Amino acid sequence: MKQQSTPEPVEALPVSSTIDYATIELLLKWKREDATDDPELIRAAEEELEEFKRAMNRNRAEAGELPLFP
């Protein structure tokens, strides 16, 4: 059986001291566009999130790993 090698460490990317206001504004714009107070849309989104979590946990359980979402 071939032994796996340990991956080489990766150097961290330099931290930028500048703030990308254009990207922040775009993300805020998308957040405003997607915002809703419709109870049915909120319920559907919450249901979709719960199904996603179940699927992620099921996949991890099948791989013998601990769940991400207890």
C-alpha atoms as a PDB file:
ATOM      1  CA  MET A   1       0.000   0.000   0.000  1.00  0.00           C
ATOM      2  CA  LYS A   2       1.377   3.397  -1.027  1.00  0.00           C
ATOM      3  CA  GLN A   3       1.652   5.935   1.779  1.00  0.00           C
ATOM      4  CA  GLN A   4       0.089   9.328   1.208  1.00  0.00           C
ATOM      5  CA  SER A   5       2.430  12.274   1.331  1.00  0.00           C
ATOM      6  CA  THR A   6       1.738  15.301   3.465  1.00  0.00           C
ATOM      7  CA  PRO A   7       0.764  18.318   1.356  1.00  0.00           C
ATOM      8  CA  GLU A   8       3.221  21.188   1.269  1.00  0.00           C
ATOM      9  CA  PRO A   9       2.200  24.248   3.323  1.00  0.00           C
ATOM     10  CA  VAL A  10       0.617  27.045   1.331  1.00  0.00           C
ATOM     11  CA  GLU A  11       1.739  30.603   1.900  1.00  0.00           C
ATOM     12  CA  ALA A  12      -1.000  33.001   2.950  1.00  0.00           C
ATOM     13  CA  LEU A  13      -1.998  35.684   0.505  1.00  0.00           C
ATOM     14  CA  PRO A  14      -1.009  39.205   1.504  1.00  0.00           C
ATOM     15  CA  VAL A  15      -3.739  41.142   3.300  1.00  0.00           C
ATOM     16  CA  SER A  16      -4.906  44.215   1.451  1.00  0.00           C
ATOM     17  CA  SER A  17      -5.458  47.350   3.472  1.00  0.00           C
ATOM     18  CA  THR A  18      -7.809  48.832   0.878  1.00  0.00           C
ATOM     19  CA  ILE A  19     -11.571  48.440   1.039  1.00  0.00           C
ATOM     20  CA  ASP A  20     -13.377  47.469  -2.148  1.00  0.00           C
ATOM     21  CA  TYR A  21     -16.411  49.736  -1.819  1.00  0.00           C
ATOM     22  CA  ALA A  22     -17.734  48.833  -5.270  1.00  0.00           C
ATOM     23  CA  THR A  23     -17.998  45.167  -4.333  1.00  0.00           C
ATOM     24  CA  ILE A  24     -19.561  45.978  -0.960  1.00  0.00           C
ATOM     25  CA  GLU A  25     -22.147  48.200  -2.652  1.00  0.00           C
ATOM     26  CA  LEU A  26     -22.949  45.476  -5.194  1.00  0.00           C
ATOM     27  CA  LEU A  27     -23.469  42.899  -2.434  1.00  0.00           C
ATOM     28  CA  LEU A  28     -25.713  45.323  -0.527  1.00  0.00           C
ATOM     29  CA  LYS A  29     -27.704  46.000  -3.714  1.00  0.00           C
ATOM     30  CA  TRP A  30     -28.253  42.266  -4.247  1.00  0.00           C
ATOM     31  CA  LYS A  31     -29.298  41.902  -0.606  1.00  0.00           C
ATOM     32  CA  ARG A  32     -31.886  44.685  -1.017  1.00  0.00           C
ATOM     33  CA  GLU A  33     -33.184  43.161  -4.271  1.00  0.00           C
ATOM     34  CA  ASP A  34     -33.624  39.741  -2.633  1.00  0.00           C
ATOM     35  CA  ALA A  35     -35.209  41.033   0.572  1.00  0.00           C
ATOM     36  CA  THR A  36     -38.797  40.008   1.250  1.00  0.00           C
ATOM     37  CA  ASP A  37     -41.347  40.054   4.029  1.00  0.00           C
ATOM     38  CA  ASP A  38     -43.634  37.576   2.234  1.00  0.00           C
ATOM     39  CA  PRO A  39     -44.230  34.787   4.783  1.00  0.00           C
ATOM     40  CA  GLU A  40     -44.621  32.148   2.056  1.00  0.00           C
ATOM     41  CA  LEU A  41     -41.284  33.037   0.421  1.00  0.00           C
ATOM     42  CA  ILE A  42     -39.586  33.065   3.816  1.00  0.00           C
ATOM     43  CA  ARG A  43     -41.081  29.660   4.697  1.00  0.00           C
ATOM     44  CA  ALA A  44     -39.987  28.202   1.341  1.00  0.00           C
ATOM     45  CA  ALA A  45     -36.448  29.560   1.781  1.00  0.00           C
ATOM     46  CA  GLU A  46     -36.224  28.134   5.315  1.00  0.00           C
ATOM     47  CA  GLU A  47     -37.488  24.759   4.076  1.00  0.00           C
ATOM     48  CA  GLU A  48     -34.899  24.769   1.280  1.00  0.00           C
ATOM     49  CA  LEU A  49     -32.151  25.567   3.803  1.00  0.00           C
ATOM     50  CA  GLU A  50     -33.245  22.715   6.100  1.00  0.00           C
ATOM     51  CA  GLU A  51     -33.257  20.259   3.169  1.00  0.00           C
ATOM     52  CA  PHE A  52     -29.760  21.438   2.211  1.00  0.00           C
ATOM     53  CA  LYS A  53     -28.539  20.836   5.777  1.00  0.00           C
ATOM     54  CA  ARG A  54     -30.097  17.349   5.857  1.00  0.00           C
ATOM     55  CA  ALA A  55     -28.472  16.478   2.530  1.00  0.00           C
ATOM     56  CA  MET A  56     -25.062  17.722   3.697  1.00  0.00           C
ATOM     57  CA  ASN A  57     -25.325  15.723   6.915  1.00  0.00           C
ATOM     58  CA  ARG A  58     -26.522  12.616   5.054  1.00  0.00           C
ATOM     59  CA  ASN A  59     -23.560  12.834   2.678  1.00  0.00           C
ATOM     60  CA  ARG A  60     -21.115  13.204   5.571  1.00  0.00           C
ATOM     61  CA  ALA A  61     -22.705  10.305   7.481  1.00  0.00           C
ATOM     62  CA  GLU A  62     -22.319   8.089   4.412  1.00  0.00           C
ATOM     63  CA  ALA A  63     -18.637   9.079   4.318  1.00  0.00           C
ATOM     64  CA  GLY A  64     -18.228   8.249   8.021  1.00  0.00           C
ATOM     65  CA  GLU A  65     -17.765  11.885   8.999  1.00  0.00           C
ATOM     66  CA  LEU A  66     -19.422  14.010  11.684  1.00  0.00           C
ATOM     67  CA  PRO A  67     -22.407  16.153  10.671  1.00  0.00           C
ATOM     68  CA  LEU A  68     -21.887  19.805   9.852  1.00  0.00           C
ATOM     69  CA  PHE A  69     -25.327  20.792  11.121  1.00  0.00           C
ATOM     70  CA  PRO A  70     -26.167  19.072  14.436  1.00  0.00           C
END
